[in-house]
Amino acid sequence: MSDTGEYSEVSQLRTRCTILESQIQVLEKQNAELKATITILHPDKVGSTDENMKNWKEVPKVGKFPATKDDGDFQI
């Protein structure tokens, strides 16, 4: 009977480890997304290696937007 109990404990520990590893992956993905969002919202305050982030256009009372040429693709 002790073999069954030990196996059960090992199985439970492996399951917990798998769950924790999955949670770490989710948190790492969320962290990367948050870093990207902060870089987009505050490109002047956040160090970015992306050259496009430095060429943003400030629209008064609206915010900052990428200074790219409008190709007119989005039309109503």
C-alpha atoms as a PDB file:
ATOM      1  CA  MET A   1       0.000   0.000   0.000  1.00  0.00           C
ATOM      2  CA  SER A   2       2.849   2.421   0.649  1.00  0.00           C
ATOM      3  CA  ASP A   3       3.882   2.224  -3.010  1.00  0.00           C
ATOM      4  CA  THR A   4       0.448   3.489  -4.035  1.00  0.00           C
ATOM      5  CA  GLY A   5       0.678   6.377  -1.573  1.00  0.00           C
ATOM      6  CA  GLU A   6       4.137   7.400  -2.771  1.00  0.00           C
ATOM      7  CA  TYR A   7       3.034   7.189  -6.378  1.00  0.00           C
ATOM      8  CA  SER A   8       0.017   9.332  -5.597  1.00  0.00           C
ATOM      9  CA  GLU A   9       2.195  11.999  -3.930  1.00  0.00           C
ATOM     10  CA  VAL A  10       4.648  12.021  -6.834  1.00  0.00           C
ATOM     11  CA  SER A  11       1.777  12.265  -9.279  1.00  0.00           C
ATOM     12  CA  GLN A  12       0.259  15.181  -7.357  1.00  0.00           C
ATOM     13  CA  LEU A  13       3.617  16.977  -7.271  1.00  0.00           C
ATOM     14  CA  ARG A  14       4.108  16.512 -10.995  1.00  0.00           C
ATOM     15  CA  THR A  15       0.614  17.839 -11.644  1.00  0.00           C
ATOM     16  CA  ARG A  16       1.301  20.890  -9.458  1.00  0.00           C
ATOM     17  CA  CYS A  17       4.613  21.508 -11.234  1.00  0.00           C
ATOM     18  CA  THR A  18       2.893  21.318 -14.606  1.00  0.00           C
ATOM     19  CA  ILE A  19       0.259  23.813 -13.466  1.00  0.00           C
ATOM     20  CA  LEU A  20       2.911  26.186 -12.116  1.00  0.00           C
ATOM     21  CA  GLU A  21       4.948  25.962 -15.320  1.00  0.00           C
ATOM     22  CA  SER A  22       1.823  26.779 -17.308  1.00  0.00           C
ATOM     23  CA  GLN A  23       1.094  29.771 -15.069  1.00  0.00           C
ATOM     24  CA  ILE A  24       4.674  31.005 -15.507  1.00  0.00           C
ATOM     25  CA  GLN A  25       4.283  30.856 -19.289  1.00  0.00           C
ATOM     26  CA  VAL A  26       1.050  32.848 -19.106  1.00  0.00           C
ATOM     27  CA  LEU A  27       2.651  35.464 -16.837  1.00  0.00           C
ATOM     28  CA  GLU A  28       5.695  35.778 -19.092  1.00  0.00           C
ATOM     29  CA  LYS A  29       3.402  36.369 -22.078  1.00  0.00           C
ATOM     30  CA  GLN A  30       1.363  38.959 -20.147  1.00  0.00           C
ATOM     31  CA  ASN A  31       4.572  40.660 -19.024  1.00  0.00           C
ATOM     32  CA  ALA A  32       5.792  40.940 -22.617  1.00  0.00           C
ATOM     33  CA  GLU A  33       2.426  42.345 -23.707  1.00  0.00           C
ATOM     34  CA  LEU A  34       2.447  44.895 -20.877  1.00  0.00           C
ATOM     35  CA  LYS A  35       5.988  45.981 -21.742  1.00  0.00           C
ATOM     36  CA  ALA A  36       4.917  46.471 -25.359  1.00  0.00           C
ATOM     37  CA  THR A  37       1.873  48.487 -24.285  1.00  0.00           C
ATOM     38  CA  ILE A  38       3.919  50.714 -21.992  1.00  0.00           C
ATOM     39  CA  THR A  39       6.465  51.276 -24.740  1.00  0.00           C
ATOM     40  CA  ILE A  40       3.667  52.299 -27.096  1.00  0.00           C
ATOM     41  CA  LEU A  41       1.957  54.585 -24.566  1.00  0.00           C
ATOM     42  CA  HIS A  42       5.152  56.207 -23.278  1.00  0.00           C
ATOM     43  CA  PRO A  43       7.828  55.874 -25.977  1.00  0.00           C
ATOM     44  CA  ASP A  44       9.673  58.951 -24.714  1.00  0.00           C
ATOM     45  CA  LYS A  45       9.968  57.529 -21.174  1.00  0.00           C
ATOM     46  CA  VAL A  46      10.738  53.934 -22.044  1.00  0.00           C
ATOM     47  CA  GLY A  47      13.959  52.883 -23.691  1.00  0.00           C
ATOM     48  CA  SER A  48      13.126  51.182 -26.945  1.00  0.00           C
ATOM     49  CA  THR A  49      15.409  49.722 -29.552  1.00  0.00           C
ATOM     50  CA  ASP A  50      12.677  50.021 -32.176  1.00  0.00           C
ATOM     51  CA  GLU A  51      13.510  53.032 -34.349  1.00  0.00           C
ATOM     52  CA  ASN A  52       9.854  53.390 -35.362  1.00  0.00           C
ATOM     53  CA  MET A  53       8.935  54.162 -31.748  1.00  0.00           C
ATOM     54  CA  LYS A  54      10.981  57.370 -31.852  1.00  0.00           C
ATOM     55  CA  ASN A  55       9.086  58.789 -34.825  1.00  0.00           C
ATOM     56  CA  TRP A  56       5.706  59.189 -33.216  1.00  0.00           C
ATOM     57  CA  LYS A  57       3.382  62.081 -33.919  1.00  0.00           C
ATOM     58  CA  GLU A  58       1.771  63.956 -31.010  1.00  0.00           C
ATOM     59  CA  VAL A  59      -1.879  64.870 -31.575  1.00  0.00           C
ATOM     60  CA  PRO A  60      -2.944  67.520 -29.031  1.00  0.00           C
ATOM     61  CA  LYS A  61      -5.488  66.270 -26.487  1.00  0.00           C
ATOM     62  CA  VAL A  62      -5.565  62.855 -28.167  1.00  0.00           C
ATOM     63  CA  GLY A  63      -2.211  61.123 -27.772  1.00  0.00           C
ATOM     64  CA  LYS A  64       0.746  59.794 -29.704  1.00  0.00           C
ATOM     65  CA  PHE A  65       0.490  57.837 -32.902  1.00  0.00           C
ATOM     66  CA  PRO A  66       3.009  56.248 -35.229  1.00  0.00           C
ATOM     67  CA  ALA A  67       4.148  58.781 -37.788  1.00  0.00           C
ATOM     68  CA  THR A  68       3.485  56.624 -40.813  1.00  0.00           C
ATOM     69  CA  LYS A  69       2.129  57.603 -44.156  1.00  0.00           C
ATOM     70  CA  ASP A  70      -1.631  56.979 -44.406  1.00  0.00           C
ATOM     71  CA  ASP A  71      -2.270  54.614 -47.288  1.00  0.00           C
ATOM     72  CA  GLY A  72      -6.022  55.268 -47.155  1.00  0.00           C
ATOM     73  CA  ASP A  73      -6.728  51.592 -46.656  1.00  0.00           C
ATOM     74  CA  PHE A  74      -9.153  52.204 -43.792  1.00  0.00           C
ATOM     75  CA  GLN A  75     -12.187  53.887 -45.300  1.00  0.00           C
ATOM     76  CA  ILE A  76     -15.812  54.121 -44.273  1.00  0.00           C
END
